[in-house]
C-alpha atoms as a PDB file:
ATOM      1  CA  MET A   1     -22.739  66.247  14.401  1.00  0.00           C
ATOM      2  CA  ALA A   2     -21.426  69.101  13.145  1.00  0.00           C
ATOM      3  CA  ASP A   3     -20.567  71.701  15.791  1.00  0.00           C
ATOM      4  CA  ARG A   4     -23.649  73.518  14.532  1.00  0.00           C
ATOM      5  CA  PRO A   5     -26.874  72.942  17.333  1.00  0.00           C
ATOM      6  CA  LEU A   6     -29.979  71.100  16.157  1.00  0.00           C
ATOM      7  CA  PRO A   7     -32.682  72.435  13.608  1.00  0.00           C
ATOM      8  CA  HIS A   8     -35.730  73.018  16.998  1.00  0.00           C
ATOM      9  CA  LEU A   9     -37.967  70.337  14.994  1.00  0.00           C
ATOM     10  CA  GLN A  10     -34.924  67.541  15.186  1.00  0.00           C
ATOM     11  CA  PHE A  11     -34.315  68.907  18.497  1.00  0.00           C
ATOM     12  CA  ALA A  12     -38.318  67.942  19.496  1.00  0.00           C
ATOM     13  CA  VAL A  13     -37.587  64.629  17.578  1.00  0.00           C
ATOM     14  CA  LEU A  14     -34.679  63.319  19.352  1.00  0.00           C
ATOM     15  CA  GLY A  15     -35.593  64.788  23.079  1.00  0.00           C
ATOM     16  CA  ILE A  16     -39.012  62.620  22.382  1.00  0.00           C
ATOM     17  CA  ILE A  17     -37.431  59.343  21.180  1.00  0.00           C
ATOM     18  CA  GLY A  18     -34.571  60.365  24.117  1.00  0.00           C
ATOM     19  CA  ALA A  19     -33.184  57.273  25.167  1.00  0.00           C
ATOM     20  CA  SER A  20     -36.213  54.269  24.402  1.00  0.00           C
ATOM     21  CA  LYS A  21     -37.876  53.494  21.072  1.00  0.00           C
ATOM     22  CA  ARG A  22     -40.819  54.703  19.564  1.00  0.00           C
ATOM     23  CA  SER A  23     -43.143  54.572  16.782  1.00  0.00           C
ATOM     24  CA  GLY A  24     -43.773  57.379  14.081  1.00  0.00           C
ATOM     25  CA  ARG A  25     -46.850  57.884  15.387  1.00  0.00           C
ATOM     26  CA  GLN A  26     -46.295  58.166  18.803  1.00  0.00           C
ATOM     27  CA  ILE A  27     -43.344  60.683  18.119  1.00  0.00           C
ATOM     28  CA  ARG A  28     -46.295  62.718  15.515  1.00  0.00           C
ATOM     29  CA  ALA A  29     -48.828  62.779  18.961  1.00  0.00           C
ATOM     30  CA  GLU A  30     -45.667  64.215  20.724  1.00  0.00           C
ATOM     31  CA  LEU A  31     -45.216  66.569  18.552  1.00  0.00           C
ATOM     32  CA  ALA A  32     -48.427  67.584  18.074  1.00  0.00           C
ATOM     33  CA  ASP A  33     -48.996  68.042  22.149  1.00  0.00           C
ATOM     34  CA  LEU A  34     -46.180  70.313  21.109  1.00  0.00           C
ATOM     35  CA  GLY A  35     -48.126  72.460  18.860  1.00  0.00           C
ATOM     36  CA  ILE A  36     -46.171  70.617  16.346  1.00  0.00           C
ATOM     37  CA  LYS A  37     -48.028  69.453  13.208  1.00  0.00           C
ATOM     38  CA  LYS A  38     -46.498  67.504  10.499  1.00  0.00           C
ATOM     39  CA  VAL A  39     -48.466  65.633   8.098  1.00  0.00           C
ATOM     40  CA  GLY A  40     -47.323  61.915   6.873  1.00  0.00           C
ATOM     41  CA  PRO A  41     -45.113  63.163   4.146  1.00  0.00           C
ATOM     42  CA  ALA A  42     -43.282  65.775   5.610  1.00  0.00           C
ATOM     43  CA  PHE A  43     -42.992  63.631   8.820  1.00  0.00           C
ATOM     44  CA  TYR A  44     -41.616  61.116   7.459  1.00  0.00           C
ATOM     45  CA  ARG A  45     -38.858  63.008   5.239  1.00  0.00           C
ATOM     46  CA  LEU A  46     -37.995  64.739   8.354  1.00  0.00           C
ATOM     47  CA  MET A  47     -37.074  61.468  10.039  1.00  0.00           C
ATOM     48  CA  LEU A  48     -35.406  60.194   6.793  1.00  0.00           C
ATOM     49  CA  ARG A  49     -33.309  63.123   7.124  1.00  0.00           C
ATOM     50  CA  LEU A  50     -32.519  61.891  11.074  1.00  0.00           C
ATOM     51  CA  GLU A  51     -31.752  58.509   9.381  1.00  0.00           C
ATOM     52  CA  GLU A  52     -29.530  59.478   6.521  1.00  0.00           C
ATOM     53  CA  ALA A  53     -27.585  61.797   9.087  1.00  0.00           C
ATOM     54  CA  GLU A  54     -27.207  59.322  11.339  1.00  0.00           C
ATOM     55  CA  LEU A  55     -28.544  60.829  14.228  1.00  0.00           C
ATOM     56  CA  VAL A  56     -31.407  57.888  14.051  1.00  0.00           C
ATOM     57  CA  GLU A  57     -32.337  54.172  12.962  1.00  0.00           C
ATOM     58  CA  GLY A  58     -35.462  53.391  11.786  1.00  0.00           C
ATOM     59  CA  TRP A  59     -36.985  49.902  11.038  1.00  0.00           C
ATOM     60  CA  TYR A  60     -40.304  48.557  10.647  1.00  0.00           C
ATOM     61  CA  GLU A  61     -42.172  46.295  13.619  1.00  0.00           C
ATOM     62  CA  GLN A  62     -44.913  43.959  12.575  1.00  0.00           C
ATOM     63  CA  GLU A  63     -47.650  42.376  14.357  1.00  0.00           C
ATOM     64  CA  VAL A  64     -51.163  40.824  13.801  1.00  0.00           C
ATOM     65  CA  VAL A  65     -54.310  42.442  15.446  1.00  0.00           C
ATOM     66  CA  LYS A  66     -57.622  40.995  14.997  1.00  0.00           C
ATOM     67  CA  GLY A  67     -55.665  38.774  11.927  1.00  0.00           C
ATOM     68  CA  GLN A  68     -54.483  41.931  10.070  1.00  0.00           C
ATOM     69  CA  ILE A  69     -50.954  42.892   9.710  1.00  0.00           C
ATOM     70  CA  HIS A  70     -49.720  46.117  10.752  1.00  0.00           C
ATOM     71  CA  ARG A  71     -46.331  47.325   9.817  1.00  0.00           C
ATOM     72  CA  GLU A  72     -45.716  50.184  12.016  1.00  0.00           C
ATOM     73  CA  ARG A  73     -41.992  52.512  11.668  1.00  0.00           C
ATOM     74  CA  VAL A  74     -40.488  52.450  14.819  1.00  0.00           C
ATOM     75  CA  TYR A  75     -37.151  54.738  15.344  1.00  0.00           C
ATOM     76  CA  ARG A  76     -34.482  54.725  18.231  1.00  0.00           C
ATOM     77  CA  ALA A  77     -31.630  57.617  18.597  1.00  0.00           C
ATOM     78  CA  ARG A  78     -28.335  56.646  17.614  1.00  0.00           C
ATOM     79  CA  ALA A  79     -25.148  57.451  19.931  1.00  0.00           C
ATOM     80  CA  ALA A  80     -24.303  60.480  17.812  1.00  0.00           C
ATOM     81  CA  GLY A  81     -28.281  61.681  17.715  1.00  0.00           C
ATOM     82  CA  LEU A  82     -28.565  61.675  22.053  1.00  0.00           C
ATOM     83  CA  GLU A  83     -25.102  63.389  21.935  1.00  0.00           C
ATOM     84  CA  ALA A  84     -26.074  66.447  19.129  1.00  0.00           C
ATOM     85  CA  TRP A  85     -29.272  66.435  21.246  1.00  0.00           C
ATOM     86  CA  GLU A  86     -27.066  67.169  24.829  1.00  0.00           C
ATOM     87  CA  LYS A  87     -25.050  69.740  22.627  1.00  0.00           C
ATOM     88  CA  THR A  88     -28.058  71.590  21.429  1.00  0.00           C
ATOM     89  CA  ARG A  89     -29.689  71.055  24.730  1.00  0.00           C
ATOM     90  CA  ASP A  90     -26.612  72.910  26.469  1.00  0.00           C
ATOM     91  CA  LEU A  91     -26.937  75.729  24.089  1.00  0.00           C
ATOM     92  CA  HIS A  92     -30.139  76.450  24.518  1.00  0.00           C
ATOM     93  CA  MET A  93     -29.924  76.210  28.563  1.00  0.00           C
ATOM     94  CA  GLU A  94     -26.808  78.628  28.476  1.00  0.00           C
ATOM     95  CA  VAL A  95     -28.570  81.509  26.221  1.00  0.00           C
ATOM     96  CA  ILE A  96     -31.266  81.186  29.031  1.00  0.00           C
ATOM     97  CA  ARG A  97     -28.630  81.337  32.135  1.00  0.00           C
ATOM     98  CA  ARG A  98     -27.234  84.170  30.730  1.00  0.00           C
ATOM     99  CA  PHE A  99     -30.312  86.189  29.058  1.00  0.00           C
ATOM    100  CA  SER A 100     -33.449  85.358  30.911  1.00  0.00           C
ATOM    101  CA  GLY A 101     -34.580  87.857  33.409  1.00  0.00           C
ATOM    102  CA  ARG A 102     -32.466  90.213  31.099  1.00  0.00           C
ATOM    103  CA  PRO A 103     -34.663  93.683  30.601  1.00  0.00           C
ATOM    104  CA  THR A 104     -35.677  94.389  26.940  1.00  0.00           C
ATOM    105  CA  GLU A 105     -34.254  97.393  25.507  1.00  0.00           C
ATOM    106  CA  SER A 106     -38.109  98.754  25.240  1.00  0.00           C
ATOM    107  CA  SER A 107     -38.362  97.822  29.448  1.00  0.00           C
ATOM    108  CA  ALA A 108     -35.069 100.296  30.274  1.00  0.00           C
END
């Protein structure tokens, strides 16, 4: 990762994945719970950008349910993705620490 913080969507996705593996469906459901709605194509473009940046790795898993084959894209954060998430989290926490509770100009 460059020394820039992650954009908010990438930060959210990497936080959702954490140190485990998650399916695209699970990630989209968690994003929706956060109020972030990403339709299929936009979501998978986001995930492709994360894969190309080598922050996550993705693969297909397949299972047979009632005679039907189901393929699902699954993702896991790479070490670089976890490091980028931690650096971005630390930046946000520092901003919160420094500036939360500070009176705004309009209330001063």
